[in-house]
Structures are given as C-alpha cells and as structure tokens.
Amino acid sequence: MSEPTVIAHISDLHCGSRYHIPSLAKRVIDELNLLCPDIVVVTGDLTDMGFRHEFEAAHSLIERIACNRRVVLLGNHDARNVGDEHFTELFGSRSTELAYRDAHILGIDSSEPDLDTGRVGRERYTWIEERFAKSTDGFKVLAMHHHLVPVPGTGRERNIVHDAGDLLRVLANNGVDLVLCGHKHVPNVWRLEDMLIVNAGTCCTHRLRGKVRPCYNVIEIREDSHVRVLLKEPYVDAQVVADFHDVNKRYCRWRENEGPPAGGYELLGEGEPE
C-alpha cells in the first residue's frame, strides 16, 4: 500500500491578539516540522486586526514551517483595516491552487472587508468549476475560512457563508471530496452525502468555546479515497476522530472525553448506526 497524502490543517492563529500564545504557536510549528506533512493548509485569521505588524508576525511564523507546499488563506480578522493589501504582498493571491499526487486543492477567499460574515460569490463559481474539471479522477479539496455548514457547540449561527446553499451545489456537482474551514474555533467533521466538511479549531490561542482546547487537524488521504481525520492538541497524542473507508462502513462520532485530555474528542465504535 502506498503512503497516504498527509495534510496538516491549522487555523485562526490571531497573531497580535491578547489571546495569542506565542509559546503554543512555536510548539505547533515544531510539531508540524516533526510530522513532515505533504501539504499545510492555513484557513485564515492569521491576524487579529489586519495590521501590518500582525501580518509580519504571522508570515515569520508560517515561514518556519518546513513544508513548502502551503495554502494560506485570508480570514475575516485579516480583512479588517484593508488588511488584504498586506496579505497579498506577503502571501500572494487571495485565491490559490495546489496539486500534489492525487490531491487537488483550491483555496478561496470567503472574507468581506470589515465584516465577520463571509461570501464566496457567483463570480468564483466558474473558476471552481473550471479548475476542478481538470482533475476528474483526483481527490478534490476546497479550503476557505468561513464554515460552510453550522458547527455544534458554537452558539447562535451568524457567520455561515451567505451563499452556502449555492456553493454546496457547485461543490457537489463537481465531485468535491473534502472542504476545509476554520473561523469558529471549534473542530468538527460533517459528512454530507459523499463530501467531508472538516472544521479546525484555533491552534495557538485561548480564545476558546466551552471545553475545547487549542488544536489542529491532520488529514490522511489514502488509496481509494480512504480518509482519516486526526485531532491534534499541542503536547498531546493525536486522536482519530473520523475514518471513512467504505460506502457501507463510514463513521464519524465526536464527544467530549470524561478523562484527560480535557476537551479532547473520542471516536465511537466502527459500524454504529448513523
């Protein structure tokens, strides 16, 4: 069996915020460099207020990641104070594309200037369709900052992308396998028909909800579209939280552990009813 394609998915660094924990950010980068993923995806909110010095701090941090195959996206906090200008100067285009092995990743800017809400927009649908049409047999991944569907444990739903329904149709019609999102600081996995929607928590801040702890995701794409999602808290062993390897044997269960590590998640048994 060939080695899986490994994607490290981190989000919501919030450099410059009083909630940002520099020592934890360093630990996350050290863990990523030890993991040696094939691809690193950063789904936005690199900064807190979109200021130049915050972007420079985020850029210095991300440049320490040894993996050169990186997809870095704009978040709603980054779009404050015309922060998109600093983003494009330091990180490049707000929408990007990366292909490696069978994985084909499109990164989309879902932010709107000075707003917490997000939108992808009809003008980008054609680009998504055109780019994914070129990889009919590959594993298709879309990454963006805002969440595509509601996430449990995040309170009132206010910030889902405004055009979520139309975007879901575009993704389903083009056979997208995986969607990576950030924004709400709560990790989660949904399966919507044949599409996985994976949210990341905040990897290095204590701007947290409930019992969730700082964390990030590791996604393994194996043969025959077998996908495993692992939840990784800094300093704590990774836990498998989702494993989809057969149409008739798919499971994804999240619940808080009663014991340590607090705020972690436990996978319930394979083959349990959906």
C-alpha atoms as a PDB file:
ATOM      1  CA  MET A   1       0.000   0.000   0.000  1.00  0.00           C
ATOM      2  CA  SER A   2       1.367   3.446  -0.901  1.00  0.00           C
ATOM      3  CA  GLU A   3       1.948   6.107   1.722  1.00  0.00           C
ATOM      4  CA  PRO A   4      -1.019   8.441   2.375  1.00  0.00           C
ATOM      5  CA  THR A   5      -1.011  12.080   1.351  1.00  0.00           C
ATOM      6  CA  VAL A   6      -0.934  13.999   4.646  1.00  0.00           C
ATOM      7  CA  ILE A   7      -2.487  17.452   5.001  1.00  0.00           C
ATOM      8  CA  ALA A   8      -1.884  19.464   8.167  1.00  0.00           C
ATOM      9  CA  HIS A   9      -4.808  21.840   8.649  1.00  0.00           C
ATOM     10  CA  ILE A  10      -4.233  24.752  11.038  1.00  0.00           C
ATOM     11  CA  SER A  11      -6.345  27.842  11.523  1.00  0.00           C
ATOM     12  CA  ASP A  12      -7.005  31.015  13.498  1.00  0.00           C
ATOM     13  CA  LEU A  13      -3.541  31.990  14.720  1.00  0.00           C
ATOM     14  CA  HIS A  14      -4.693  35.532  15.631  1.00  0.00           C
ATOM     15  CA  CYS A  15      -1.179  36.989  15.782  1.00  0.00           C
ATOM     16  CA  GLY A  16      -1.292  40.306  17.646  1.00  0.00           C
ATOM     17  CA  SER A  17      -4.269  39.339  19.777  1.00  0.00           C
ATOM     18  CA  ARG A  18      -4.059  39.260  23.559  1.00  0.00           C
ATOM     19  CA  TYR A  19      -5.383  35.707  23.231  1.00  0.00           C
ATOM     20  CA  HIS A  20      -2.482  34.561  21.036  1.00  0.00           C
ATOM     21  CA  ILE A  21       0.004  32.290  22.838  1.00  0.00           C
ATOM     22  CA  PRO A  22       3.468  32.598  21.213  1.00  0.00           C
ATOM     23  CA  SER A  23       4.903  29.550  23.002  1.00  0.00           C
ATOM     24  CA  LEU A  24       1.984  27.442  21.792  1.00  0.00           C
ATOM     25  CA  ALA A  25       2.420  28.739  18.237  1.00  0.00           C
ATOM     26  CA  LYS A  26       6.078  27.691  18.363  1.00  0.00           C
ATOM     27  CA  ARG A  27       5.074  24.266  19.638  1.00  0.00           C
ATOM     28  CA  VAL A  28       2.585  23.797  16.795  1.00  0.00           C
ATOM     29  CA  ILE A  29       5.239  24.677  14.202  1.00  0.00           C
ATOM     30  CA  ASP A  30       7.713  22.287  15.846  1.00  0.00           C
ATOM     31  CA  GLU A  31       5.106  19.513  15.761  1.00  0.00           C
ATOM     32  CA  LEU A  32       4.340  20.166  12.097  1.00  0.00           C
ATOM     33  CA  ASN A  33       8.026  20.014  11.224  1.00  0.00           C
ATOM     34  CA  LEU A  34       8.291  16.710  13.078  1.00  0.00           C
ATOM     35  CA  LEU A  35       5.205  15.389  11.289  1.00  0.00           C
ATOM     36  CA  CYS A  36       6.564  16.369   7.842  1.00  0.00           C
ATOM     37  CA  PRO A  37       3.147  16.677   6.145  1.00  0.00           C
ATOM     38  CA  ASP A  38       2.916  16.761   2.370  1.00  0.00           C
ATOM     39  CA  ILE A  39       0.737  19.898   2.436  1.00  0.00           C
ATOM     40  CA  VAL A  40      -0.078  22.555   5.036  1.00  0.00           C
ATOM     41  CA  VAL A  41      -3.374  24.441   4.783  1.00  0.00           C
ATOM     42  CA  VAL A  42      -3.911  27.561   6.911  1.00  0.00           C
ATOM     43  CA  THR A  43      -7.584  28.573   6.799  1.00  0.00           C
ATOM     44  CA  GLY A  44      -7.347  32.217   7.769  1.00  0.00           C
ATOM     45  CA  ASP A  45      -7.410  34.609  10.704  1.00  0.00           C
ATOM     46  CA  LEU A  46      -3.650  34.862  10.681  1.00  0.00           C
ATOM     47  CA  THR A  47      -4.021  38.216  12.472  1.00  0.00           C
ATOM     48  CA  ASP A  48      -6.381  39.898  14.906  1.00  0.00           C
ATOM     49  CA  MET A  49      -6.974  43.304  13.317  1.00  0.00           C
ATOM     50  CA  GLY A  50      -5.327  43.066   9.900  1.00  0.00           C
ATOM     51  CA  PHE A  51      -2.445  45.379  10.827  1.00  0.00           C
ATOM     52  CA  ARG A  52       0.912  45.223   9.058  1.00  0.00           C
ATOM     53  CA  HIS A  53       2.936  44.157  12.100  1.00  0.00           C
ATOM     54  CA  GLU A  54       0.471  41.334  12.788  1.00  0.00           C
ATOM     55  CA  PHE A  55       0.834  40.037   9.241  1.00  0.00           C
ATOM     56  CA  GLU A  56       4.611  40.219   9.529  1.00  0.00           C
ATOM     57  CA  ALA A  57       4.467  38.161  12.732  1.00  0.00           C
ATOM     58  CA  ALA A  58       2.193  35.599  11.049  1.00  0.00           C
ATOM     59  CA  HIS A  59       4.446  35.472   7.993  1.00  0.00           C
ATOM     60  CA  SER A  60       7.533  34.841  10.148  1.00  0.00           C
ATOM     61  CA  LEU A  61       5.689  32.064  11.959  1.00  0.00           C
ATOM     62  CA  ILE A  62       4.413  30.335   8.812  1.00  0.00           C
ATOM     63  CA  GLU A  63       7.811  30.643   7.110  1.00  0.00           C
ATOM     64  CA  ARG A  64       9.192  28.436   9.890  1.00  0.00           C
ATOM     65  CA  ILE A  65       7.100  25.552   8.570  1.00  0.00           C
ATOM     66  CA  ALA A  66       9.493  23.272   6.700  1.00  0.00           C
ATOM     67  CA  CYS A  67       6.842  22.127   4.221  1.00  0.00           C
ATOM     68  CA  ASN A  68       6.930  24.335   1.110  1.00  0.00           C
ATOM     69  CA  ARG A  69       3.564  23.172  -0.228  1.00  0.00           C
ATOM     70  CA  ARG A  70       1.341  25.617   1.639  1.00  0.00           C
ATOM     71  CA  VAL A  71      -2.122  27.061   1.073  1.00  0.00           C
ATOM     72  CA  VAL A  72      -2.611  30.212   3.166  1.00  0.00           C
ATOM     73  CA  LEU A  73      -5.979  31.968   3.174  1.00  0.00           C
ATOM     74  CA  LEU A  74      -7.493  35.239   4.324  1.00  0.00           C
ATOM     75  CA  GLY A  75      -9.917  35.292   7.265  1.00  0.00           C
ATOM     76  CA  ASN A  76     -12.443  37.846   8.443  1.00  0.00           C
ATOM     77  CA  HIS A  77     -10.000  39.285  11.005  1.00  0.00           C
ATOM     78  CA  ASP A  78      -7.369  39.609   8.269  1.00  0.00           C
ATOM     79  CA  ALA A  79      -9.804  41.589   6.102  1.00  0.00           C
ATOM     80  CA  ARG A  80     -10.107  44.343   8.713  1.00  0.00           C
ATOM     81  CA  ASN A  81      -8.428  47.702   8.140  1.00  0.00           C
ATOM     82  CA  VAL A  82      -7.691  46.874   4.473  1.00  0.00           C
ATOM     83  CA  GLY A  83      -5.513  44.026   5.669  1.00  0.00           C
ATOM     84  CA  ASP A  84      -5.940  42.219   2.342  1.00  0.00           C
ATOM     85  CA  GLU A  85      -3.267  44.535   0.900  1.00  0.00           C
ATOM     86  CA  HIS A  86      -0.713  43.288   3.428  1.00  0.00           C
ATOM     87  CA  PHE A  87      -1.867  39.714   2.853  1.00  0.00           C
ATOM     88  CA  THR A  88      -1.319  39.799  -0.914  1.00  0.00           C
ATOM     89  CA  GLU A  89       2.090  41.422  -0.500  1.00  0.00           C
ATOM     90  CA  LEU A  90       3.303  38.817   1.999  1.00  0.00           C
ATOM     91  CA  PHE A  91       1.388  35.667   0.998  1.00  0.00           C
ATOM     92  CA  GLY A  92       0.288  36.175  -2.603  1.00  0.00           C
ATOM     93  CA  SER A  93      -3.108  35.726  -4.218  1.00  0.00           C
ATOM     94  CA  ARG A  94      -6.246  35.559  -2.073  1.00  0.00           C
ATOM     95  CA  SER A  95      -7.384  32.543  -4.110  1.00  0.00           C
ATOM     96  CA  THR A  96      -4.868  29.832  -4.850  1.00  0.00           C
ATOM     97  CA  GLU A  97      -4.413  26.347  -6.269  1.00  0.00           C
ATOM     98  CA  LEU A  98      -2.132  23.456  -5.379  1.00  0.00           C
ATOM     99  CA  ALA A  99      -1.843  19.946  -6.792  1.00  0.00           C
ATOM    100  CA  TYR A 100       0.186  17.128  -5.255  1.00  0.00           C
ATOM    101  CA  ARG A 101      -0.102  13.438  -6.096  1.00  0.00           C
ATOM    102  CA  ASP A 102      -3.850  12.836  -6.485  1.00  0.00           C
ATOM    103  CA  ALA A 103      -4.878  15.783  -4.272  1.00  0.00           C
ATOM    104  CA  HIS A 104      -6.095  18.941  -5.994  1.00  0.00           C
ATOM    105  CA  ILE A 105      -6.670  21.852  -3.577  1.00  0.00           C
ATOM    106  CA  LEU A 106      -8.386  25.150  -4.297  1.00  0.00           C
ATOM    107  CA  GLY A 107      -8.128  27.874  -1.670  1.00  0.00           C
ATOM    108  CA  ILE A 108     -10.878  30.505  -1.817  1.00  0.00           C
ATOM    109  CA  ASP A 109     -11.140  33.899  -0.108  1.00  0.00           C
ATOM    110  CA  SER A 110     -14.502  33.975   1.695  1.00  0.00           C
ATOM    111  CA  SER A 111     -13.881  37.231   3.595  1.00  0.00           C
ATOM    112  CA  GLU A 112     -15.615  40.587   3.172  1.00  0.00           C
ATOM    113  CA  PRO A 113     -13.984  43.904   4.155  1.00  0.00           C
ATOM    114  CA  ASP A 114     -14.504  44.744   7.852  1.00  0.00           C
ATOM    115  CA  LEU A 115     -17.262  42.149   8.265  1.00  0.00           C
ATOM    116  CA  ASP A 116     -17.332  38.924  10.258  1.00  0.00           C
ATOM    117  CA  THR A 117     -19.694  37.351   7.753  1.00  0.00           C
ATOM    118  CA  GLY A 118     -18.425  35.651   4.617  1.00  0.00           C
ATOM    119  CA  ARG A 119     -19.332  35.029   0.991  1.00  0.00           C
ATOM    120  CA  VAL A 120     -17.726  33.185  -1.900  1.00  0.00           C
ATOM    121  CA  GLY A 121     -19.827  34.705  -4.669  1.00  0.00           C
ATOM    122  CA  ARG A 122     -21.073  33.688  -8.088  1.00  0.00           C
ATOM    123  CA  GLU A 123     -18.049  35.226  -9.762  1.00  0.00           C
ATOM    124  CA  ARG A 124     -15.863  32.467  -8.261  1.00  0.00           C
ATOM    125  CA  TYR A 125     -18.157  29.536  -9.046  1.00  0.00           C
ATOM    126  CA  THR A 126     -16.991  29.368 -12.661  1.00  0.00           C
ATOM    127  CA  TRP A 127     -13.352  29.334 -11.570  1.00  0.00           C
ATOM    128  CA  ILE A 128     -14.043  26.476  -9.145  1.00  0.00           C
ATOM    129  CA  GLU A 129     -15.812  24.501 -11.850  1.00  0.00           C
ATOM    130  CA  GLU A 130     -13.075  25.102 -14.425  1.00  0.00           C
ATOM    131  CA  ARG A 131     -10.238  24.153 -12.117  1.00  0.00           C
ATOM    132  CA  PHE A 132     -11.858  21.011 -10.725  1.00  0.00           C
ATOM    133  CA  ALA A 133     -12.886  19.908 -14.223  1.00  0.00           C
ATOM    134  CA  LYS A 134      -9.183  19.360 -14.914  1.00  0.00           C
ATOM    135  CA  SER A 135      -8.888  16.699 -12.179  1.00  0.00           C
ATOM    136  CA  THR A 136     -11.748  14.317 -12.894  1.00  0.00           C
ATOM    137  CA  ASP A 137     -10.041  11.363 -11.156  1.00  0.00           C
ATOM    138  CA  GLY A 138      -8.238  13.235  -8.367  1.00  0.00           C
ATOM    139  CA  PHE A 139      -9.174  13.899  -4.774  1.00  0.00           C
ATOM    140  CA  LYS A 140     -10.744  17.360  -4.772  1.00  0.00           C
ATOM    141  CA  VAL A 141     -10.337  19.690  -1.809  1.00  0.00           C
ATOM    142  CA  LEU A 142     -11.765  23.175  -1.277  1.00  0.00           C
ATOM    143  CA  ALA A 143     -10.361  25.323   1.546  1.00  0.00           C
ATOM    144  CA  MET A 144     -11.814  28.565   2.884  1.00  0.00           C
ATOM    145  CA  HIS A 145     -12.033  30.435   6.172  1.00  0.00           C
ATOM    146  CA  HIS A 146     -15.754  30.621   6.949  1.00  0.00           C
ATOM    147  CA  HIS A 147     -17.653  27.472   7.772  1.00  0.00           C
ATOM    148  CA  LEU A 148     -19.917  26.028   5.140  1.00  0.00           C
ATOM    149  CA  VAL A 149     -22.488  24.425   7.445  1.00  0.00           C
ATOM    150  CA  PRO A 150     -23.355  25.089  11.116  1.00  0.00           C
ATOM    151  CA  VAL A 151     -20.928  23.725  13.713  1.00  0.00           C
ATOM    152  CA  PRO A 152     -22.165  22.237  17.011  1.00  0.00           C
ATOM    153  CA  GLY A 153     -21.076  23.944  20.198  1.00  0.00           C
ATOM    154  CA  THR A 154     -20.637  27.408  18.692  1.00  0.00           C
ATOM    155  CA  GLY A 155     -23.766  29.182  19.912  1.00  0.00           C
ATOM    156  CA  ARG A 156     -26.009  31.231  17.669  1.00  0.00           C
ATOM    157  CA  GLU A 157     -25.317  30.756  13.979  1.00  0.00           C
ATOM    158  CA  ARG A 158     -24.405  34.107  12.442  1.00  0.00           C
ATOM    159  CA  ASN A 159     -21.374  33.696  10.251  1.00  0.00           C
ATOM    160  CA  ILE A 160     -22.001  30.854   7.827  1.00  0.00           C
ATOM    161  CA  VAL A 161     -21.138  31.950   4.275  1.00  0.00           C
ATOM    162  CA  HIS A 162     -24.143  33.788   2.869  1.00  0.00           C
ATOM    163  CA  ASP A 163     -24.205  31.753  -0.338  1.00  0.00           C
ATOM    164  CA  ALA A 164     -23.708  28.381   1.358  1.00  0.00           C
ATOM    165  CA  GLY A 165     -26.567  26.678  -0.495  1.00  0.00           C
ATOM    166  CA  ASP A 166     -25.386  27.685  -3.957  1.00  0.00           C
ATOM    167  CA  LEU A 167     -21.778  26.883  -3.076  1.00  0.00           C
ATOM    168  CA  LEU A 168     -22.749  23.433  -1.802  1.00  0.00           C
ATOM    169  CA  ARG A 169     -24.478  22.763  -5.113  1.00  0.00           C
ATOM    170  CA  VAL A 170     -21.379  23.806  -7.053  1.00  0.00           C
ATOM    171  CA  LEU A 171     -19.135  21.600  -4.918  1.00  0.00           C
ATOM    172  CA  ALA A 172     -21.460  18.592  -5.099  1.00  0.00           C
ATOM    173  CA  ASN A 173     -21.895  18.943  -8.866  1.00  0.00           C
ATOM    174  CA  ASN A 174     -18.109  18.980  -9.288  1.00  0.00           C
ATOM    175  CA  GLY A 175     -17.427  15.967  -7.108  1.00  0.00           C
ATOM    176  CA  VAL A 176     -15.577  17.756  -4.313  1.00  0.00           C
ATOM    177  CA  ASP A 177     -14.431  15.248  -1.695  1.00  0.00           C
ATOM    178  CA  LEU A 178     -13.273  17.453   1.163  1.00  0.00           C
ATOM    179  CA  VAL A 179     -13.921  21.002   2.418  1.00  0.00           C
ATOM    180  CA  LEU A 180     -11.582  22.564   4.991  1.00  0.00           C
ATOM    181  CA  CYS A 181     -12.804  25.513   7.096  1.00  0.00           C
ATOM    182  CA  GLY A 182     -11.860  27.448  10.233  1.00  0.00           C
ATOM    183  CA  HIS A 183     -13.438  30.533  11.813  1.00  0.00           C
ATOM    184  CA  LYS A 184     -15.457  29.302  14.819  1.00  0.00           C
ATOM    185  CA  HIS A 185     -12.538  27.839  16.839  1.00  0.00           C
ATOM    186  CA  VAL A 186     -14.345  24.515  17.258  1.00  0.00           C
ATOM    187  CA  PRO A 187     -13.196  21.329  15.486  1.00  0.00           C
ATOM    188  CA  ASN A 188     -15.850  19.278  13.776  1.00  0.00           C
ATOM    189  CA  VAL A 189     -16.436  16.809  10.962  1.00  0.00           C
ATOM    190  CA  TRP A 190     -19.651  16.520   8.976  1.00  0.00           C
ATOM    191  CA  ARG A 191     -20.347  14.063   6.181  1.00  0.00           C
ATOM    192  CA  LEU A 192     -22.754  15.467   3.622  1.00  0.00           C
ATOM    193  CA  GLU A 193     -23.510  12.736   1.096  1.00  0.00           C
ATOM    194  CA  ASP A 194     -20.055  11.925  -0.341  1.00  0.00           C
ATOM    195  CA  MET A 195     -18.393  15.141   0.874  1.00  0.00           C
ATOM    196  CA  LEU A 196     -16.468  15.605   4.112  1.00  0.00           C
ATOM    197  CA  ILE A 197     -16.625  19.054   5.719  1.00  0.00           C
ATOM    198  CA  VAL A 198     -13.840  19.443   8.275  1.00  0.00           C
ATOM    199  CA  ASN A 199     -13.509  22.419  10.620  1.00  0.00           C
ATOM    200  CA  ALA A 200     -10.350  23.272  12.542  1.00  0.00           C
ATOM    201  CA  GLY A 201     -10.139  24.831  15.985  1.00  0.00           C
ATOM    202  CA  THR A 202      -7.768  27.641  16.881  1.00  0.00           C
ATOM    203  CA  CYS A 203      -4.271  26.211  17.031  1.00  0.00           C
ATOM    204  CA  CYS A 204      -2.470  28.681  19.306  1.00  0.00           C
ATOM    205  CA  THR A 205      -4.872  30.926  21.224  1.00  0.00           C
ATOM    206  CA  HIS A 206      -7.011  30.642  24.321  1.00  0.00           C
ATOM    207  CA  ARG A 207      -9.955  32.269  22.551  1.00  0.00           C
ATOM    208  CA  LEU A 208     -11.933  29.083  23.049  1.00  0.00           C
ATOM    209  CA  ARG A 209     -15.508  27.890  23.424  1.00  0.00           C
ATOM    210  CA  GLY A 210     -16.652  25.603  26.205  1.00  0.00           C
ATOM    211  CA  LYS A 211     -14.202  22.788  26.914  1.00  0.00           C
ATOM    212  CA  VAL A 212     -12.494  22.854  23.519  1.00  0.00           C
ATOM    213  CA  ARG A 213      -8.722  23.257  23.708  1.00  0.00           C
ATOM    214  CA  PRO A 214      -6.230  24.648  21.160  1.00  0.00           C
ATOM    215  CA  CYS A 215      -5.901  22.111  18.369  1.00  0.00           C
ATOM    216  CA  TYR A 216      -5.430  21.443  14.679  1.00  0.00           C
ATOM    217  CA  ASN A 217      -6.261  18.675  12.230  1.00  0.00           C
ATOM    218  CA  VAL A 218      -4.214  16.114  10.352  1.00  0.00           C
ATOM    219  CA  ILE A 219      -5.935  14.591   7.318  1.00  0.00           C
ATOM    220  CA  GLU A 220      -4.669  11.411   5.713  1.00  0.00           C
ATOM    221  CA  ILE A 221      -5.826  10.673   2.163  1.00  0.00           C
ATOM    222  CA  ARG A 222      -5.213   7.027   1.365  1.00  0.00           C
ATOM    223  CA  GLU A 223      -5.920   4.727  -1.537  1.00  0.00           C
ATOM    224  CA  ASP A 224      -9.467   4.562  -2.920  1.00  0.00           C
ATOM    225  CA  SER A 225     -10.366   7.871  -1.240  1.00  0.00           C
ATOM    226  CA  HIS A 226      -9.959   6.389   2.225  1.00  0.00           C
ATOM    227  CA  VAL A 227      -9.776   9.437   4.504  1.00  0.00           C
ATOM    228  CA  ARG A 228      -8.793   9.667   8.162  1.00  0.00           C
ATOM    229  CA  VAL A 229      -9.089  12.857  10.209  1.00  0.00           C
ATOM    230  CA  LEU A 230      -6.985  13.154  13.341  1.00  0.00           C
ATOM    231  CA  LEU A 231      -7.429  15.810  16.023  1.00  0.00           C
ATOM    232  CA  LYS A 232      -4.105  17.031  17.409  1.00  0.00           C
ATOM    233  CA  GLU A 233      -3.742  19.125  20.544  1.00  0.00           C
ATOM    234  CA  PRO A 234      -0.247  20.549  21.166  1.00  0.00           C
ATOM    235  CA  TYR A 235       1.722  18.287  23.542  1.00  0.00           C
ATOM    236  CA  VAL A 236      -0.959  15.560  23.281  1.00  0.00           C
ATOM    237  CA  ASP A 237      -1.074  12.477  21.050  1.00  0.00           C
ATOM    238  CA  ALA A 238      -3.324  12.745  18.011  1.00  0.00           C
ATOM    239  CA  GLN A 239      -6.719  11.057  18.109  1.00  0.00           C
ATOM    240  CA  VAL A 240      -8.554   9.599  15.128  1.00  0.00           C
ATOM    241  CA  VAL A 241     -11.921  11.353  15.064  1.00  0.00           C
ATOM    242  CA  ALA A 242     -13.195  10.300  11.661  1.00  0.00           C
ATOM    243  CA  ASP A 243     -12.466   7.387   9.348  1.00  0.00           C
ATOM    244  CA  PHE A 244     -14.244   6.977   6.016  1.00  0.00           C
ATOM    245  CA  HIS A 245     -13.061   3.985   4.067  1.00  0.00           C
ATOM    246  CA  ASP A 246     -16.096   2.276   2.629  1.00  0.00           C
ATOM    247  CA  VAL A 247     -19.510   3.423   1.429  1.00  0.00           C
ATOM    248  CA  ASN A 248     -21.224   0.975   3.769  1.00  0.00           C
ATOM    249  CA  LYS A 249     -18.786   1.438   6.678  1.00  0.00           C
ATOM    250  CA  ARG A 250     -18.480   5.079   7.483  1.00  0.00           C
ATOM    251  CA  TYR A 251     -18.480   6.658  10.855  1.00  0.00           C
ATOM    252  CA  CYS A 252     -17.713   9.943  12.472  1.00  0.00           C
ATOM    253  CA  ARG A 253     -18.530  10.482  16.117  1.00  0.00           C
ATOM    254  CA  TRP A 254     -17.418  13.347  18.347  1.00  0.00           C
ATOM    255  CA  ARG A 255     -17.955  13.606  22.065  1.00  0.00           C
ATOM    256  CA  GLU A 256     -16.105  15.098  24.991  1.00  0.00           C
ATOM    257  CA  ASN A 257     -13.895  12.679  26.884  1.00  0.00           C
ATOM    258  CA  GLU A 258     -14.616  12.293  30.549  1.00  0.00           C
ATOM    259  CA  GLY A 259     -10.942  11.919  31.347  1.00  0.00           C
ATOM    260  CA  PRO A 260      -7.798  13.716  30.202  1.00  0.00           C
ATOM    261  CA  PRO A 261      -7.004  15.364  27.902  1.00  0.00           C
ATOM    262  CA  ALA A 262      -9.854  17.735  28.771  1.00  0.00           C
ATOM    263  CA  GLY A 263     -11.780  18.957  25.779  1.00  0.00           C
ATOM    264  CA  GLY A 264     -10.489  16.146  23.590  1.00  0.00           C
ATOM    265  CA  TYR A 265     -12.646  14.007  21.370  1.00  0.00           C
ATOM    266  CA  GLU A 266     -13.206  10.299  21.187  1.00  0.00           C
ATOM    267  CA  LEU A 267     -14.186   8.169  18.227  1.00  0.00           C
ATOM    268  CA  LEU A 268     -17.080   5.807  18.885  1.00  0.00           C
ATOM    269  CA  GLY A 269     -17.063   2.311  17.505  1.00  0.00           C
ATOM    270  CA  GLU A 270     -16.969   1.401  13.861  1.00  0.00           C
ATOM    271  CA  GLY A 271     -20.178   0.229  12.317  1.00  0.00           C
ATOM    272  CA  GLU A 272     -22.525   2.012  14.699  1.00  0.00           C
ATOM    273  CA  PRO A 273     -25.702   3.295  13.036  1.00  0.00           C
ATOM    274  CA  GLU A 274     -25.612   6.759  11.516  1.00  0.00           C
END
